[in-house]
């Protein structure tokens, strides 16, 4: 008697499978006898941060461009500038703070979301040399010695900051008396920083 009941239960189970397949097909879902397991859902969307990427610090709020999924993406940072600093000195201090933030390793949350940086550590900046335009920023390393991605990060970060005139470009040079170039941050540069170099143009001595 026990054997008969067990067979009856198995028989009901196999009879239910065609009915389940018909219902799934009717809903536009293809039935399958192979279990599917796509694993757990991703814990973090790439290039998406749920909060501040770095610990909150006192200072001037700024944004820097990091790379994520081969594009430039802004993240929030702060730089320290003493109150009462003259404008010319303040501009250079902001620029140096931005370079330091670009060279710093991304936070754990930022790395998990796919952020990275190509700007080398120890990159310094100074103001204009004699006869340079007032908005000049001279790097301790010639811009041409930076990788395309690093130069794109530097140009887009500086051109979008209080360290420049705010017109989407920045006048950069290496140590004086190396020539100056005006670099622009464009949509193509932000979208393809590793392959698209920032557009550049000549800068005449003593002009802006």
Protein backbone atom coordinates (compact mmCIF):
# COMPACT_ATOMS: atom_id res chain seq x y z
CA UNK A 1 0.00 0.00 0.00
CA UNK A 2 2.82 2.37 0.85
CA UNK A 3 4.48 1.72 -2.52
CA UNK A 4 1.32 2.57 -4.43
CA UNK A 5 0.98 5.96 -2.72
CA UNK A 6 4.62 6.87 -3.45
CA UNK A 7 4.17 6.15 -7.13
CA UNK A 8 1.00 8.19 -7.16
CA UNK A 9 2.87 11.25 -5.80
CA UNK A 10 5.65 10.90 -8.42
CA UNK A 11 3.07 10.44 -11.13
CA UNK A 12 1.35 13.70 -10.13
CA UNK A 13 4.68 15.55 -10.15
CA UNK A 14 5.56 14.54 -13.73
CA UNK A 15 2.02 15.29 -14.91
CA UNK A 16 2.41 18.82 -13.51
CA UNK A 17 5.56 19.57 -15.54
CA UNK A 18 3.86 19.80 -18.98
CA UNK A 19 1.19 22.03 -17.43
CA UNK A 20 3.90 24.30 -15.97
CA UNK A 21 5.66 24.43 -19.33
CA UNK A 22 2.45 25.41 -21.07
CA UNK A 23 1.83 28.18 -18.57
CA UNK A 24 5.36 29.56 -18.96
CA UNK A 25 5.15 29.42 -22.75
CA UNK A 26 1.85 31.24 -22.65
CA UNK A 27 3.55 34.04 -20.71
CA UNK A 28 6.30 34.36 -23.26
CA UNK A 29 8.86 32.54 -21.06
CA UNK A 30 10.63 29.55 -22.55
CA UNK A 31 10.42 26.57 -20.21
CA UNK A 32 13.65 24.75 -19.35
CA UNK A 33 14.49 21.64 -17.40
CA UNK A 34 18.00 22.93 -16.68
CA UNK A 35 18.24 24.99 -13.46
CA UNK A 36 19.56 28.52 -14.07
CA UNK A 37 21.63 30.37 -11.51
CA UNK A 38 23.01 33.76 -12.49
CA UNK A 39 24.56 34.35 -9.08
CA UNK A 40 23.89 37.23 -6.72
CA UNK A 41 23.14 40.69 -8.04
CA UNK A 42 26.14 43.06 -8.27
CA UNK A 43 26.76 44.76 -4.95
CA UNK A 44 27.77 48.07 -6.54
CA UNK A 45 27.01 49.74 -9.86
CA UNK A 46 30.31 50.68 -11.61
CA UNK A 47 31.15 54.39 -11.33
CA UNK A 48 28.39 54.91 -8.78
CA UNK A 49 29.21 55.99 -5.24
CA UNK A 50 26.57 55.88 -2.53
CA UNK A 51 28.34 58.57 -0.51
CA UNK A 52 31.52 60.60 -0.35
CA UNK A 53 34.47 58.72 -1.76
CA UNK A 54 36.85 60.21 0.78
CA UNK A 55 36.48 61.06 4.42
CA UNK A 56 35.04 64.52 4.92
CA UNK A 57 37.77 67.04 5.67
CA UNK A 58 37.81 70.74 6.36
CA UNK A 59 38.89 72.93 3.49
CA UNK A 60 37.78 74.36 0.17
CA UNK A 61 35.34 72.00 -1.64
CA UNK A 62 36.69 71.02 -5.07
CA UNK A 63 36.18 68.35 -7.68
CA UNK A 64 38.81 66.28 -9.46
CA UNK A 65 38.54 63.99 -12.46
CA UNK A 66 39.31 60.30 -11.97
CA UNK A 67 39.03 57.55 -14.56
CA UNK A 68 36.19 55.04 -14.41
CA UNK A 69 35.24 52.67 -17.24
CA UNK A 70 37.70 54.53 -19.53
CA UNK A 71 35.97 57.91 -18.99
CA UNK A 72 36.63 60.89 -16.75
CA UNK A 73 34.26 61.22 -13.81
CA UNK A 74 34.26 63.93 -11.12
CA UNK A 75 34.60 63.12 -7.44
CA UNK A 76 34.43 65.50 -4.47
CA UNK A 77 37.56 66.51 -2.60
CA UNK A 78 38.80 69.37 -0.41
CA UNK A 79 42.02 71.41 -0.42
CA UNK A 80 43.47 73.43 2.43
CA UNK A 81 44.07 77.15 1.83
CA UNK A 82 44.78 79.46 4.79
CA UNK A 83 42.39 82.38 5.15
CA UNK A 84 43.76 85.69 3.94
CA UNK A 85 46.03 84.13 1.31
CA UNK A 86 46.59 86.61 -1.57
CA UNK A 87 44.72 85.70 -4.75
CA UNK A 88 47.83 84.87 -6.81
CA UNK A 89 49.19 82.58 -4.11
CA UNK A 90 45.76 81.12 -3.40
CA UNK A 91 45.42 80.14 -7.07
CA UNK A 92 48.69 78.19 -7.00
CA UNK A 93 47.83 76.54 -3.68
CA UNK A 94 44.48 75.38 -5.04
CA UNK A 95 46.22 74.01 -8.15
CA UNK A 96 48.78 72.15 -6.03
CA UNK A 97 46.04 70.76 -3.82
CA UNK A 98 44.19 69.50 -6.87
CA UNK A 99 47.31 67.76 -8.21
CA UNK A 100 47.90 66.15 -4.82
CA UNK A 101 44.32 64.88 -4.77
CA UNK A 102 44.66 63.53 -8.31
CA UNK A 103 47.81 61.64 -7.38
CA UNK A 104 46.34 60.20 -4.16
CA UNK A 105 45.13 56.61 -4.27
CA UNK A 106 41.33 56.36 -4.60
CA UNK A 107 39.47 55.31 -1.48
CA UNK A 108 38.37 51.72 -0.94
CA UNK A 109 34.81 52.60 -2.00
CA UNK A 110 36.08 54.32 -5.14
CA UNK A 111 38.30 51.40 -6.09
CA UNK A 112 35.38 49.02 -5.59
CA UNK A 113 33.31 51.17 -7.95
CA UNK A 114 36.06 51.13 -10.59
CA UNK A 115 37.79 54.48 -10.06
CA UNK A 116 41.50 54.89 -10.74
CA UNK A 117 44.06 57.62 -11.46
CA UNK A 118 47.11 57.91 -13.72
CA UNK A 119 48.52 61.13 -12.30
CA UNK A 120 51.96 60.42 -10.79
CA UNK A 121 52.82 61.38 -7.24
CA UNK A 122 55.10 64.30 -6.53
CA UNK A 123 53.79 66.46 -9.38
CA UNK A 124 54.33 70.12 -8.45
CA UNK A 125 52.98 73.38 -9.86
CA UNK A 126 54.05 77.01 -9.67
CA UNK A 127 52.71 80.32 -10.93
CA UNK A 128 53.79 82.28 -13.99
CA UNK A 129 57.44 83.00 -14.68
CA UNK A 130 58.48 86.51 -15.81
CA UNK A 131 56.76 87.42 -19.11
CA UNK A 132 54.27 84.54 -18.77
CA UNK A 133 50.55 85.29 -19.02
CA UNK A 134 48.98 85.85 -15.61
CA UNK A 135 46.90 82.66 -15.83
CA UNK A 136 49.91 80.40 -16.45
CA UNK A 137 50.54 77.31 -14.35
CA UNK A 138 53.95 75.70 -14.72
CA UNK A 139 54.26 72.03 -13.78
CA UNK A 140 57.43 70.50 -12.37
CA UNK A 141 57.18 67.97 -15.23
CA UNK A 142 56.59 68.98 -18.82
CA UNK A 143 52.96 68.22 -19.80
CA UNK A 144 54.23 66.25 -22.80
CA UNK A 145 55.91 63.80 -20.40
CA UNK A 146 52.57 62.82 -18.87
CA UNK A 147 50.49 59.98 -20.27
CA UNK A 148 47.43 60.92 -22.31
CA UNK A 149 45.13 59.85 -19.46
CA UNK A 150 47.12 61.72 -16.81
CA UNK A 151 47.25 64.90 -18.90
CA UNK A 152 43.50 64.68 -19.49
CA UNK A 153 42.91 64.38 -15.73
CA UNK A 154 45.14 67.37 -15.02
CA UNK A 155 43.74 69.57 -17.78
CA UNK A 156 40.08 68.84 -17.02
CA UNK A 157 40.56 69.22 -13.26
CA UNK A 158 42.50 72.48 -13.44
CA UNK A 159 40.38 74.04 -16.19
CA UNK A 160 37.23 73.45 -14.12
CA UNK A 161 38.62 74.98 -10.92
CA UNK A 162 39.29 78.25 -9.15
CA UNK A 163 42.91 77.89 -10.30
CA UNK A 164 41.99 79.06 -13.82
CA UNK A 165 39.77 81.55 -15.64
CA UNK A 166 36.87 79.09 -15.82
CA UNK A 167 36.65 79.04 -19.63
CA UNK A 168 37.29 75.31 -19.99
CA UNK A 169 40.99 75.69 -20.74
CA UNK A 170 44.27 76.07 -18.86
CA UNK A 171 47.69 77.45 -19.81
CA UNK A 172 50.34 74.91 -18.85
CA UNK A 173 54.06 74.55 -19.29
CA UNK A 174 56.97 72.71 -17.81
CA UNK A 175 59.72 74.41 -15.82
CA UNK A 176 60.69 77.85 -17.24
CA UNK A 177 61.71 78.70 -19.89
CA UNK A 178 59.91 75.81 -21.63
CA UNK A 179 57.15 76.91 -24.06
CA UNK A 180 53.56 77.29 -22.95
CA UNK A 181 50.45 75.70 -24.43
CA UNK A 182 46.76 76.30 -23.81
CA UNK A 183 44.94 73.00 -23.27
CA UNK A 184 41.17 72.51 -23.45
CA UNK A 185 38.94 69.95 -21.77
CA UNK A 186 36.36 68.79 -24.33
CA UNK A 187 33.61 66.19 -24.31
CA UNK A 188 35.82 63.87 -26.40
CA UNK A 189 38.63 64.19 -23.87
CA UNK A 190 36.29 63.38 -20.99
CA UNK A 191 34.81 60.41 -22.86
CA UNK A 192 38.11 59.01 -24.19
CA UNK A 193 40.97 60.31 -22.03
CA UNK A 194 43.27 57.41 -22.85
CA UNK A 195 43.13 57.92 -26.60
CA UNK A 196 42.11 61.57 -27.11
CA UNK A 197 44.71 64.15 -26.11
CA UNK A 198 43.47 67.54 -24.87
CA UNK A 199 43.43 70.02 -27.77
CA UNK A 200 46.25 72.53 -27.46
CA UNK A 201 47.17 75.83 -29.00
CA UNK A 202 50.13 78.23 -28.91
CA UNK A 203 50.41 80.89 -26.23
CA UNK A 204 52.22 84.08 -27.04
CA UNK A 205 54.61 85.45 -24.42
CA UNK A 206 53.03 88.16 -22.32
CA UNK A 207 49.47 87.41 -23.48
CA UNK A 208 46.52 85.57 -21.89
